[in-house]
C-alpha atoms as a PDB file:
ATOM      1  CA  MET A   1     -13.282  26.574  23.960  1.00  0.00           C
ATOM      2  CA  SER A   2     -19.084  30.302  27.200  1.00  0.00           C
ATOM      3  CA  GLY A   3     -19.779  32.092  25.267  1.00  0.00           C
ATOM      4  CA  GLU A   4     -22.071  33.959  23.499  1.00  0.00           C
ATOM      5  CA  SER A   5     -29.521  35.119  17.816  1.00  0.00           C
ATOM      6  CA  SER A   6     -30.098  37.047  21.124  1.00  0.00           C
ATOM      7  CA  ARG A   7     -27.285  34.683  21.598  1.00  0.00           C
ATOM      8  CA  ARG A   8     -24.700  36.050  19.473  1.00  0.00           C
ATOM      9  CA  ASP A   9     -21.541  35.178  21.049  1.00  0.00           C
ATOM     10  CA  LEU A  10     -20.452  32.120  22.953  1.00  0.00           C
ATOM     11  CA  VAL A  11     -22.385  33.104  25.928  1.00  0.00           C
ATOM     12  CA  ALA A  12     -24.701  35.721  24.500  1.00  0.00           C
ATOM     13  CA  SER A  13     -27.888  36.933  26.165  1.00  0.00           C
ATOM     14  CA  PRO A  14     -31.456  36.654  24.966  1.00  0.00           C
ATOM     15  CA  ASP A  15     -31.654  40.485  24.413  1.00  0.00           C
ATOM     16  CA  ARG A  16     -33.719  41.265  21.384  1.00  0.00           C
ATOM     17  CA  ASN A  17     -31.319  44.073  20.165  1.00  0.00           C
ATOM     18  CA  GLU A  18     -28.526  41.378  19.758  1.00  0.00           C
ATOM     19  CA  THR A  19     -30.889  39.385  17.510  1.00  0.00           C
ATOM     20  CA  ILE A  20     -30.931  42.668  15.360  1.00  0.00           C
ATOM     21  CA  ALA A  21     -27.310  42.700  15.168  1.00  0.00           C
ATOM     22  CA  VAL A  22     -27.052  39.152  13.796  1.00  0.00           C
ATOM     23  CA  ASN A  23     -24.466  38.664  11.218  1.00  0.00           C
ATOM     24  CA  ALA A  24     -25.416  35.293   9.377  1.00  0.00           C
ATOM     25  CA  ASN A  25     -21.686  34.632   8.694  1.00  0.00           C
ATOM     26  CA  ILE A  26     -20.677  35.353  12.259  1.00  0.00           C
ATOM     27  CA  GLN A  27     -23.331  32.795  13.202  1.00  0.00           C
ATOM     28  CA  ALA A  28     -22.073  30.225  11.039  1.00  0.00           C
ATOM     29  CA  LEU A  29     -18.513  30.618  12.334  1.00  0.00           C
ATOM     30  CA  ARG A  30     -19.982  30.062  15.805  1.00  0.00           C
ATOM     31  CA  ALA A  31     -21.362  26.819  14.821  1.00  0.00           C
ATOM     32  CA  ILE A  32     -18.178  25.798  13.023  1.00  0.00           C
ATOM     33  CA  ALA A  33     -16.085  26.612  16.122  1.00  0.00           C
ATOM     34  CA  ALA A  34     -18.427  24.732  18.491  1.00  0.00           C
ATOM     35  CA  TYR A  35     -18.170  21.589  16.156  1.00  0.00           C
ATOM     36  CA  GLY A  36     -14.384  22.175  15.871  1.00  0.00           C
ATOM     37  CA  VAL A  37     -14.191  21.925  19.770  1.00  0.00           C
ATOM     38  CA  VAL A  38     -16.441  18.897  19.651  1.00  0.00           C
ATOM     39  CA  ILE A  39     -14.177  16.971  17.023  1.00  0.00           C
ATOM     40  CA  HIS A  40     -11.231  18.191  19.238  1.00  0.00           C
ATOM     41  CA  HIS A  41     -12.782  16.291  22.209  1.00  0.00           C
ATOM     42  CA  ILE A  42     -13.768  13.352  20.078  1.00  0.00           C
ATOM     43  CA  ILE A  43     -10.236  12.792  19.028  1.00  0.00           C
ATOM     44  CA  PHE A  44      -8.985  13.091  22.572  1.00  0.00           C
ATOM     45  CA  SER A  45     -11.754  10.712  23.773  1.00  0.00           C
ATOM     46  CA  CYS A  46     -10.694   8.178  21.109  1.00  0.00           C
ATOM     47  CA  ASP A  47      -7.108   8.476  22.161  1.00  0.00           C
ATOM     48  CA  HIS A  48      -8.083   8.138  25.822  1.00  0.00           C
ATOM     49  CA  TYR A  49     -10.494   5.264  25.630  1.00  0.00           C
ATOM     50  CA  ILE A  50      -9.248   3.246  22.602  1.00  0.00           C
ATOM     51  CA  GLY A  51      -5.608   3.457  23.429  1.00  0.00           C
ATOM     52  CA  VAL A  52      -3.008   6.172  23.937  1.00  0.00           C
ATOM     53  CA  GLY A  53      -1.331   7.417  20.748  1.00  0.00           C
ATOM     54  CA  ARG A  54      -3.777   5.812  18.491  1.00  0.00           C
ATOM     55  CA  ALA A  55      -5.787   8.894  17.587  1.00  0.00           C
ATOM     56  CA  PRO A  56      -5.293   9.446  13.805  1.00  0.00           C
ATOM     57  CA  MET A  57      -4.147  13.025  14.030  1.00  0.00           C
ATOM     58  CA  SER A  58      -2.901  15.452  16.772  1.00  0.00           C
ATOM     59  CA  ILE A  59      -5.354  15.867  19.454  1.00  0.00           C
ATOM     60  CA  ASN A  60      -5.331  19.645  18.933  1.00  0.00           C
ATOM     61  CA  ILE A  61      -7.545  19.258  15.816  1.00  0.00           C
ATOM     62  CA  GLY A  62     -10.413  21.725  16.264  1.00  0.00           C
ATOM     63  CA  ALA A  63      -9.030  23.299  19.505  1.00  0.00           C
ATOM     64  CA  THR A  64      -8.742  26.557  17.844  1.00  0.00           C
ATOM     65  CA  GLY A  65     -12.460  26.924  17.860  1.00  0.00           C
ATOM     66  CA  VAL A  66     -11.969  28.587  21.332  1.00  0.00           C
ATOM     67  CA  GLU A  67     -10.011  31.433  19.769  1.00  0.00           C
ATOM     68  CA  ILE A  68     -12.623  31.889  17.125  1.00  0.00           C
ATOM     69  CA  PHE A  69     -15.349  31.975  19.819  1.00  0.00           C
ATOM     70  CA  PHE A  70     -13.326  34.701  21.849  1.00  0.00           C
ATOM     71  CA  VAL A  71     -12.846  36.943  18.848  1.00  0.00           C
ATOM     72  CA  ILE A  72     -16.480  36.625  18.066  1.00  0.00           C
ATOM     73  CA  SER A  73     -17.442  37.494  21.584  1.00  0.00           C
ATOM     74  CA  GLY A  74     -15.402  40.804  21.436  1.00  0.00           C
ATOM     75  CA  TYR A  75     -17.068  41.586  18.215  1.00  0.00           C
ATOM     76  CA  ILE A  76     -20.556  40.858  19.398  1.00  0.00           C
ATOM     77  CA  MET A  77     -20.254  42.548  22.594  1.00  0.00           C
ATOM     78  CA  SER A  78     -19.051  45.731  21.111  1.00  0.00           C
ATOM     79  CA  LYS A  79     -21.391  45.834  18.338  1.00  0.00           C
ATOM     80  CA  THR A  80     -24.693  44.904  20.295  1.00  0.00           C
ATOM     81  CA  THR A  81     -23.817  47.398  23.117  1.00  0.00           C
ATOM     82  CA  ASP A  82     -23.467  50.221  20.623  1.00  0.00           C
ATOM     83  CA  ILE A  83     -26.769  49.405  18.890  1.00  0.00           C
ATOM     84  CA  SER A  84     -28.864  48.792  21.991  1.00  0.00           C
ATOM     85  CA  GLY A  85     -27.512  51.424  24.270  1.00  0.00           C
ATOM     86  CA  ILE A  86     -27.938  48.943  27.066  1.00  0.00           C
ATOM     87  CA  SER A  87     -27.230  50.119  30.642  1.00  0.00           C
ATOM     88  CA  PRO A  88     -24.414  48.555  32.497  1.00  0.00           C
ATOM     89  CA  SER A  89     -26.627  46.701  35.057  1.00  0.00           C
ATOM     90  CA  ARG A  90     -28.847  45.306  32.289  1.00  0.00           C
ATOM     91  CA  PHE A  91     -25.756  44.163  30.355  1.00  0.00           C
ATOM     92  CA  ILE A  92     -24.327  42.223  33.103  1.00  0.00           C
ATOM     93  CA  GLN A  93     -27.592  40.663  34.059  1.00  0.00           C
ATOM     94  CA  ASN A  94     -28.139  39.558  30.670  1.00  0.00           C
ATOM     95  CA  ARG A  95     -24.589  37.940  30.398  1.00  0.00           C
ATOM     96  CA  LEU A  96     -24.955  36.156  33.776  1.00  0.00           C
ATOM     97  CA  PHE A  97     -28.566  35.229  32.960  1.00  0.00           C
ATOM     98  CA  ARG A  98     -27.432  33.654  29.621  1.00  0.00           C
ATOM     99  CA  VAL A  99     -24.174  31.804  30.881  1.00  0.00           C
ATOM    100  CA  VAL A 100     -25.020  30.823  34.535  1.00  0.00           C
ATOM    101  CA  PRO A 101     -28.097  28.792  34.844  1.00  0.00           C
ATOM    102  CA  SER A 102     -27.208  26.171  32.267  1.00  0.00           C
ATOM    103  CA  TYR A 103     -23.650  26.107  33.466  1.00  0.00           C
ATOM    104  CA  TRP A 104     -24.680  25.623  37.095  1.00  0.00           C
ATOM    105  CA  LEU A 105     -27.375  22.976  36.194  1.00  0.00           C
ATOM    106  CA  LEU A 106     -24.901  20.896  34.209  1.00  0.00           C
ATOM    107  CA  THR A 107     -22.118  21.313  36.873  1.00  0.00           C
ATOM    108  CA  LEU A 108     -24.607  20.073  39.593  1.00  0.00           C
ATOM    109  CA  PHE A 109     -25.442  17.236  37.238  1.00  0.00           C
ATOM    110  CA  ALA A 110     -21.669  16.207  36.964  1.00  0.00           C
ATOM    111  CA  VAL A 111     -21.430  16.485  40.767  1.00  0.00           C
ATOM    112  CA  ALA A 112     -24.245  14.233  41.234  1.00  0.00           C
ATOM    113  CA  ILE A 113     -22.982  11.581  38.945  1.00  0.00           C
ATOM    114  CA  VAL A 114     -19.616  11.592  40.754  1.00  0.00           C
ATOM    115  CA  GLN A 115     -21.119  11.595  44.156  1.00  0.00           C
ATOM    116  CA  THR A 116     -22.988   8.334  43.199  1.00  0.00           C
ATOM    117  CA  GLY A 117     -19.898   6.535  42.648  1.00  0.00           C
ATOM    118  CA  PHE A 118     -19.306   6.958  38.951  1.00  0.00           C
ATOM    119  CA  MET A 119     -16.071   8.497  37.364  1.00  0.00           C
ATOM    120  CA  LEU A 120     -16.711  11.403  35.135  1.00  0.00           C
ATOM    121  CA  PHE A 121     -14.230  13.575  33.337  1.00  0.00           C
ATOM    122  CA  GLY A 122     -11.564  11.718  35.186  1.00  0.00           C
ATOM    123  CA  LEU A 123     -12.900  12.672  38.600  1.00  0.00           C
ATOM    124  CA  HIS A 124     -13.650  10.131  41.377  1.00  0.00           C
ATOM    125  CA  ASP A 125     -14.333  12.677  44.031  1.00  0.00           C
ATOM    126  CA  ILE A 126     -14.887  16.398  44.397  1.00  0.00           C
ATOM    127  CA  SER A 127     -13.636  18.523  47.183  1.00  0.00           C
ATOM    128  CA  LEU A 128     -15.834  21.448  48.473  1.00  0.00           C
ATOM    129  CA  GLU A 129     -13.222  24.064  47.137  1.00  0.00           C
ATOM    130  CA  HIS A 130     -13.067  22.523  43.776  1.00  0.00           C
ATOM    131  CA  PHE A 131     -17.023  22.438  43.839  1.00  0.00           C
ATOM    132  CA  LEU A 132     -17.125  26.214  44.836  1.00  0.00           C
ATOM    133  CA  CYS A 133     -14.317  27.319  42.381  1.00  0.00           C
ATOM    134  CA  SER A 134     -16.020  25.542  39.454  1.00  0.00           C
ATOM    135  CA  LEU A 135     -19.404  26.756  40.172  1.00  0.00           C
ATOM    136  CA  PHE A 136     -18.265  30.418  40.402  1.00  0.00           C
ATOM    137  CA  LEU A 137     -15.716  30.196  37.589  1.00  0.00           C
ATOM    138  CA  LEU A 138     -12.719  30.936  39.698  1.00  0.00           C
ATOM    139  CA  PRO A 139      -9.487  29.474  38.393  1.00  0.00           C
ATOM    140  CA  GLU A 140      -7.978  27.116  41.047  1.00  0.00           C
ATOM    141  CA  LEU A 141      -4.336  26.014  41.689  1.00  0.00           C
ATOM    142  CA  ASP A 142      -3.517  22.569  42.620  1.00  0.00           C
ATOM    143  CA  ALA A 143      -0.729  21.560  45.138  1.00  0.00           C
ATOM    144  CA  SER A 144       1.816  21.710  42.428  1.00  0.00           C
ATOM    145  CA  GLY A 145       0.859  25.199  41.382  1.00  0.00           C
ATOM    146  CA  HIS A 146      -0.991  24.105  38.038  1.00  0.00           C
ATOM    147  CA  ILE A 147      -4.405  25.348  37.032  1.00  0.00           C
ATOM    148  CA  LEU A 148      -7.266  22.913  37.685  1.00  0.00           C
ATOM    149  CA  ARG A 149     -10.148  22.811  35.233  1.00  0.00           C
ATOM    150  CA  PRO A 150     -13.562  23.308  36.471  1.00  0.00           C
ATOM    151  CA  ILE A 151     -15.572  20.094  37.215  1.00  0.00           C
ATOM    152  CA  LEU A 152     -17.226  20.722  33.869  1.00  0.00           C
ATOM    153  CA  PHE A 153     -13.978  21.042  32.185  1.00  0.00           C
ATOM    154  CA  VAL A 154     -15.189  23.193  29.220  1.00  0.00           C
ATOM    155  CA  GLY A 155     -16.118  25.891  31.789  1.00  0.00           C
ATOM    156  CA  TRP A 156     -12.483  27.093  31.585  1.00  0.00           C
ATOM    157  CA  THR A 157     -13.353  29.374  28.707  1.00  0.00           C
ATOM    158  CA  LEU A 158     -16.013  30.898  30.707  1.00  0.00           C
ATOM    159  CA  GLU A 159     -13.481  32.072  33.397  1.00  0.00           C
ATOM    160  CA  PHE A 160     -12.130  34.191  30.526  1.00  0.00           C
ATOM    161  CA  GLU A 161     -15.468  35.401  29.376  1.00  0.00           C
ATOM    162  CA  MET A 162     -16.136  36.503  32.870  1.00  0.00           C
ATOM    163  CA  VAL A 163     -13.069  38.632  32.939  1.00  0.00           C
ATOM    164  CA  PHE A 164     -14.030  40.226  29.782  1.00  0.00           C
ATOM    165  CA  TYR A 165     -17.590  40.852  30.610  1.00  0.00           C
ATOM    166  CA  PHE A 166     -16.689  42.587  34.002  1.00  0.00           C
ATOM    167  CA  ILE A 167     -14.190  44.859  32.283  1.00  0.00           C
ATOM    168  CA  PHE A 168     -16.820  45.543  29.512  1.00  0.00           C
ATOM    169  CA  PHE A 169     -19.421  46.077  32.182  1.00  0.00           C
ATOM    170  CA  LEU A 170     -17.288  48.890  33.944  1.00  0.00           C
ATOM    171  CA  THR A 171     -16.590  50.788  30.737  1.00  0.00           C
ATOM    172  CA  LEU A 172     -20.171  50.988  29.752  1.00  0.00           C
ATOM    173  CA  TYR A 173     -20.465  53.771  32.481  1.00  0.00           C
ATOM    174  CA  LEU A 174     -18.242  55.915  30.155  1.00  0.00           C
ATOM    175  CA  LYS A 175     -19.627  58.282  27.603  1.00  0.00           C
ATOM    176  CA  PRO A 176     -19.184  58.737  24.738  1.00  0.00           C
ATOM    177  CA  ILE A 177     -18.875  55.294  23.079  1.00  0.00           C
ATOM    178  CA  ILE A 178     -15.235  55.851  21.826  1.00  0.00           C
ATOM    179  CA  TYR A 179     -14.228  56.271  25.461  1.00  0.00           C
ATOM    180  CA  ARG A 180     -15.692  52.828  26.149  1.00  0.00           C
ATOM    181  CA  LYS A 181     -13.598  51.353  23.345  1.00  0.00           C
ATOM    182  CA  VAL A 182     -10.348  52.970  24.159  1.00  0.00           C
ATOM    183  CA  SER A 183     -10.741  52.067  27.936  1.00  0.00           C
ATOM    184  CA  VAL A 184     -11.454  48.473  27.467  1.00  0.00           C
ATOM    185  CA  LEU A 185      -8.740  47.971  24.941  1.00  0.00           C
ATOM    186  CA  PHE A 186      -6.440  49.724  27.301  1.00  0.00           C
ATOM    187  CA  VAL A 187      -7.306  47.793  30.399  1.00  0.00           C
ATOM    188  CA  LEU A 188      -7.159  44.380  28.532  1.00  0.00           C
ATOM    189  CA  SER A 189      -3.686  45.332  27.108  1.00  0.00           C
ATOM    190  CA  VAL A 190      -2.494  46.275  30.460  1.00  0.00           C
ATOM    191  CA  LEU A 191      -3.754  43.044  31.949  1.00  0.00           C
ATOM    192  CA  MET A 192      -2.318  40.891  29.226  1.00  0.00           C
ATOM    193  CA  ILE A 193       1.044  42.550  29.549  1.00  0.00           C
ATOM    194  CA  PHE A 194       0.915  42.141  33.369  1.00  0.00           C
ATOM    195  CA  GLY A 195       0.072  38.586  33.017  1.00  0.00           C
ATOM    196  CA  GLN A 196       2.922  37.752  30.556  1.00  0.00           C
ATOM    197  CA  TYR A 197       5.527  39.119  33.042  1.00  0.00           C
ATOM    198  CA  SER A 198       3.900  37.999  36.298  1.00  0.00           C
ATOM    199  CA  SER A 199       5.627  35.367  38.371  1.00  0.00           C
ATOM    200  CA  ASP A 200       2.170  34.420  39.672  1.00  0.00           C
ATOM    201  CA  ALA A 201       0.718  31.274  37.989  1.00  0.00           C
ATOM    202  CA  TYR A 202      -2.746  32.423  38.735  1.00  0.00           C
ATOM    203  CA  LEU A 203      -2.424  35.843  37.046  1.00  0.00           C
ATOM    204  CA  ARG A 204      -0.303  34.462  34.104  1.00  0.00           C
ATOM    205  CA  TYR A 205      -3.328  32.049  33.368  1.00  0.00           C
ATOM    206  CA  LEU A 206      -6.211  34.582  33.860  1.00  0.00           C
ATOM    207  CA  PHE A 207      -4.410  37.460  32.081  1.00  0.00           C
ATOM    208  CA  SER A 208      -2.799  35.364  29.294  1.00  0.00           C
ATOM    209  CA  GLU A 209      -2.635  36.283  25.586  1.00  0.00           C
ATOM    210  CA  LEU A 210      -6.234  34.938  25.121  1.00  0.00           C
ATOM    211  CA  LEU A 211      -7.329  38.379  26.094  1.00  0.00           C
ATOM    212  CA  LEU A 212      -6.044  39.495  22.751  1.00  0.00           C
ATOM    213  CA  ALA A 213      -8.794  37.765  21.154  1.00  0.00           C
ATOM    214  CA  PHE A 214     -11.439  39.800  22.666  1.00  0.00           C
ATOM    215  CA  MET A 215      -9.522  42.849  21.843  1.00  0.00           C
ATOM    216  CA  LEU A 216      -9.167  41.875  18.118  1.00  0.00           C
ATOM    217  CA  GLY A 217     -13.050  41.394  18.134  1.00  0.00           C
ATOM    218  CA  ILE A 218     -13.581  44.722  19.443  1.00  0.00           C
ATOM    219  CA  LEU A 219     -11.195  46.277  16.852  1.00  0.00           C
ATOM    220  CA  ILE A 220     -12.996  44.418  14.008  1.00  0.00           C
ATOM    221  CA  HIS A 221     -16.276  46.073  14.988  1.00  0.00           C
ATOM    222  CA  VAL A 222     -14.813  49.419  15.420  1.00  0.00           C
ATOM    223  CA  SER A 223     -13.255  49.155  11.805  1.00  0.00           C
ATOM    224  CA  GLU A 224     -16.166  47.126  10.263  1.00  0.00           C
ATOM    225  CA  ALA A 225     -17.422  50.202   8.439  1.00  0.00           C
ATOM    226  CA  ARG A 226     -14.069  50.466   6.836  1.00  0.00           C
ATOM    227  CA  ILE A 227     -13.703  46.767   5.907  1.00  0.00           C
ATOM    228  CA  SER A 228     -14.227  46.772   2.102  1.00  0.00           C
ATOM    229  CA  LEU A 229     -13.112  43.525   0.721  1.00  0.00           C
ATOM    230  CA  THR A 230     -13.709  42.198  -2.741  1.00  0.00           C
ATOM    231  CA  CYS A 231     -15.190  38.797  -2.784  1.00  0.00           C
ATOM    232  CA  PHE A 232     -11.991  37.540  -4.009  1.00  0.00           C
ATOM    233  CA  ALA A 233     -10.025  39.184  -1.186  1.00  0.00           C
ATOM    234  CA  ALA A 234     -12.377  37.956   1.391  1.00  0.00           C
ATOM    235  CA  PHE A 235     -12.255  34.363   0.287  1.00  0.00           C
ATOM    236  CA  GLY A 236      -8.592  34.624  -0.100  1.00  0.00           C
ATOM    237  CA  LEU A 237      -8.316  35.837   3.466  1.00  0.00           C
ATOM    238  CA  MET A 238     -10.523  33.030   4.763  1.00  0.00           C
ATOM    239  CA  ALA A 239      -8.405  30.414   2.863  1.00  0.00           C
ATOM    240  CA  ILE A 240      -5.132  31.888   4.482  1.00  0.00           C
ATOM    241  CA  SER A 241      -6.746  31.866   7.920  1.00  0.00           C
ATOM    242  CA  VAL A 242      -8.119  28.322   7.574  1.00  0.00           C
ATOM    243  CA  LEU A 243      -4.975  27.084   6.341  1.00  0.00           C
ATOM    244  CA  GLY A 244      -3.097  28.783   9.212  1.00  0.00           C
ATOM    245  CA  LEU A 245      -5.390  27.474  11.886  1.00  0.00           C
ATOM    246  CA  ALA A 246      -5.328  23.843  10.309  1.00  0.00           C
ATOM    247  CA  THR A 247      -1.532  23.908  10.227  1.00  0.00           C
ATOM    248  CA  VAL A 248      -1.286  24.958  13.885  1.00  0.00           C
ATOM    249  CA  ASP A 249      -3.913  22.296  14.779  1.00  0.00           C
ATOM    250  CA  THR A 250      -1.444  19.538  13.510  1.00  0.00           C
ATOM    251  CA  LEU A 251       1.376  21.166  15.407  1.00  0.00           C
ATOM    252  CA  PRO A 252       0.481  21.046  19.036  1.00  0.00           C
ATOM    253  CA  ASP A 253       3.605  22.375  20.445  1.00  0.00           C
ATOM    254  CA  VAL A 254       2.964  25.765  18.549  1.00  0.00           C
ATOM    255  CA  THR A 255       0.236  26.854  20.961  1.00  0.00           C
ATOM    256  CA  LYS A 256       2.348  26.085  23.998  1.00  0.00           C
ATOM    257  CA  THR A 257       4.351  29.338  23.400  1.00  0.00           C
ATOM    258  CA  SER A 258       2.922  32.851  23.482  1.00  0.00           C
ATOM    259  CA  PRO A 259       4.133  33.861  20.192  1.00  0.00           C
ATOM    260  CA  GLY A 260       2.565  30.752  18.688  1.00  0.00           C
ATOM    261  CA  HIS A 261      -0.667  31.266  20.481  1.00  0.00           C
ATOM    262  CA  VAL A 262      -0.719  34.765  19.132  1.00  0.00           C
ATOM    263  CA  ILE A 263      -0.527  33.542  15.675  1.00  0.00           C
ATOM    264  CA  VAL A 264      -3.526  31.444  16.313  1.00  0.00           C
ATOM    265  CA  ILE A 265      -5.444  34.283  17.675  1.00  0.00           C
ATOM    266  CA  VAL A 266      -4.631  36.602  14.724  1.00  0.00           C
ATOM    267  CA  ALA A 267      -5.514  33.901  12.220  1.00  0.00           C
ATOM    268  CA  ALA A 268      -8.795  33.438  14.037  1.00  0.00           C
ATOM    269  CA  ALA A 269      -9.451  37.221  13.863  1.00  0.00           C
ATOM    270  CA  LEU A 270      -8.636  37.116  10.095  1.00  0.00           C
ATOM    271  CA  LEU A 271     -11.406  34.371   9.580  1.00  0.00           C
ATOM    272  CA  VAL A 272     -13.837  36.809  11.448  1.00  0.00           C
ATOM    273  CA  VAL A 273     -12.789  39.617   9.274  1.00  0.00           C
ATOM    274  CA  SER A 274     -13.290  37.743   6.000  1.00  0.00           C
ATOM    275  CA  ALA A 275     -16.662  36.677   7.389  1.00  0.00           C
ATOM    276  CA  VAL A 276     -17.805  40.308   7.913  1.00  0.00           C
ATOM    277  CA  GLY A 277     -16.387  41.351   4.717  1.00  0.00           C
ATOM    278  CA  LEU A 278     -18.356  38.850   2.608  1.00  0.00           C
ATOM    279  CA  GLU A 279     -21.527  39.809   4.610  1.00  0.00           C
ATOM    280  CA  ARG A 280     -21.056  43.483   3.626  1.00  0.00           C
ATOM    281  CA  ARG A 281     -20.828  42.300   0.095  1.00  0.00           C
ATOM    282  CA  GLY A 282     -24.091  40.489   0.396  1.00  0.00           C
ATOM    283  CA  LEU A 283     -22.620  37.040   0.548  1.00  0.00           C
ATOM    284  CA  THR A 284     -24.097  35.100   3.496  1.00  0.00           C
ATOM    285  CA  VAL A 285     -24.685  31.483   4.472  1.00  0.00           C
ATOM    286  CA  GLY A 286     -28.429  31.944   4.694  1.00  0.00           C
ATOM    287  CA  ARG A 287     -30.524  31.284   7.667  1.00  0.00           C
ATOM    288  CA  GLY A 288     -30.679  27.468   7.549  1.00  0.00           C
ATOM    289  CA  PHE A 289     -28.784  24.816   9.274  1.00  0.00           C
ATOM    290  CA  LEU A 290     -25.633  26.655  10.137  1.00  0.00           C
ATOM    291  CA  MET A 291     -27.627  29.733  11.617  1.00  0.00           C
ATOM    292  CA  ARG A 292     -29.606  27.142  13.755  1.00  0.00           C
ATOM    293  CA  GLN A 293     -26.364  25.511  14.928  1.00  0.00           C
ATOM    294  CA  GLY A 294     -24.902  28.903  15.726  1.00  0.00           C
ATOM    295  CA  ASP A 295     -27.884  29.747  17.989  1.00  0.00           C
ATOM    296  CA  ALA A 296     -27.519  26.182  19.819  1.00  0.00           C
ATOM    297  CA  SER A 297     -23.538  26.515  19.986  1.00  0.00           C
ATOM    298  CA  TYR A 298     -23.337  27.253  23.699  1.00  0.00           C
ATOM    299  CA  ALA A 299     -25.605  24.434  24.486  1.00  0.00           C
ATOM    300  CA  ILE A 300     -23.529  22.007  22.283  1.00  0.00           C
ATOM    301  CA  TYR A 301     -20.366  23.355  23.929  1.00  0.00           C
ATOM    302  CA  LEU A 302     -21.738  22.484  27.347  1.00  0.00           C
ATOM    303  CA  ILE A 303     -23.492  19.238  26.913  1.00  0.00           C
ATOM    304  CA  HIS A 304     -21.116  17.476  24.372  1.00  0.00           C
ATOM    305  CA  PRO A 305     -18.737  16.466  27.268  1.00  0.00           C
ATOM    306  CA  PHE A 306     -21.377  14.348  28.917  1.00  0.00           C
ATOM    307  CA  ILE A 307     -22.184  12.502  25.481  1.00  0.00           C
ATOM    308  CA  LEU A 308     -18.457  12.001  24.800  1.00  0.00           C
ATOM    309  CA  SER A 309     -17.821  10.600  28.214  1.00  0.00           C
ATOM    310  CA  SER A 310     -20.781   8.319  28.297  1.00  0.00           C
ATOM    311  CA  SER A 311     -19.929   7.170  24.703  1.00  0.00           C
ATOM    312  CA  GLY A 312     -16.374   6.472  25.633  1.00  0.00           C
ATOM    313  CA  SER A 313     -17.305   4.529  28.712  1.00  0.00           C
ATOM    314  CA  TRP A 314     -19.474   2.381  26.613  1.00  0.00           C
ATOM    315  CA  LEU A 315     -16.719   1.676  24.052  1.00  0.00           C
ATOM    316  CA  LEU A 316     -14.400   0.409  26.743  1.00  0.00           C
END
């Protein structure tokens, strides 16, 4: 599936130093990933509203856009903080300022719709606990021990972004830069391993293998100066990555296992590597439509569920 242009990752901040760090191909990937998630939800909505099982393909089509977003988030956070020399307090302020206001506004809008008697996102009513957990991006367990999605369901990705931002925020106090990188990678690794072996459903969810995507994004930035791919190699790597992601998208059971999900994350990382490699060779998508859509990707990500829900209801 927030999350961050001064707006360079799924949920990036408006800080000008991030604009300076823009990689046009990365922006294009953000746009493609955002629309991939939209397509995923369109297919899901068609299957839900038109008739169960009538969707033309697996409802996982496009879902791997989330993993791409997370890799990009790790890459951008690592790169922009190195360039800007931003203070820890300014970093976390920028992150929260970029993510929270629009998410809160749309969550409150969703609550208002449900409270007026309409069903939205499958919700007929909203408990105070669910409201508060959704608002503050805290994962919530239902009575059977399953994780509940936030009211604005795409907000689940922001729960992982917040974990990453908080860890990154703490490591910004370290000097020199290499200590930051090693520390954040170490902490994320420990949390991920702990999550894999934990018997607690909450911790297994929050410290899942999705943290690997942020780690790979950081490693891509750290290795960026050494990424020297020929155009042929970069396009070949991109083709392999796209083929891998597309194949997994049509095999929904693959991502239900940790090894399968790791394959998806690695494929997403290879896609980012190819985009960076092409940029270093001077091959970019330009600064037209895809760049603008990349700038708007967070807004697209948050708003599209409302559009699809209203459209689906109209089709009933």
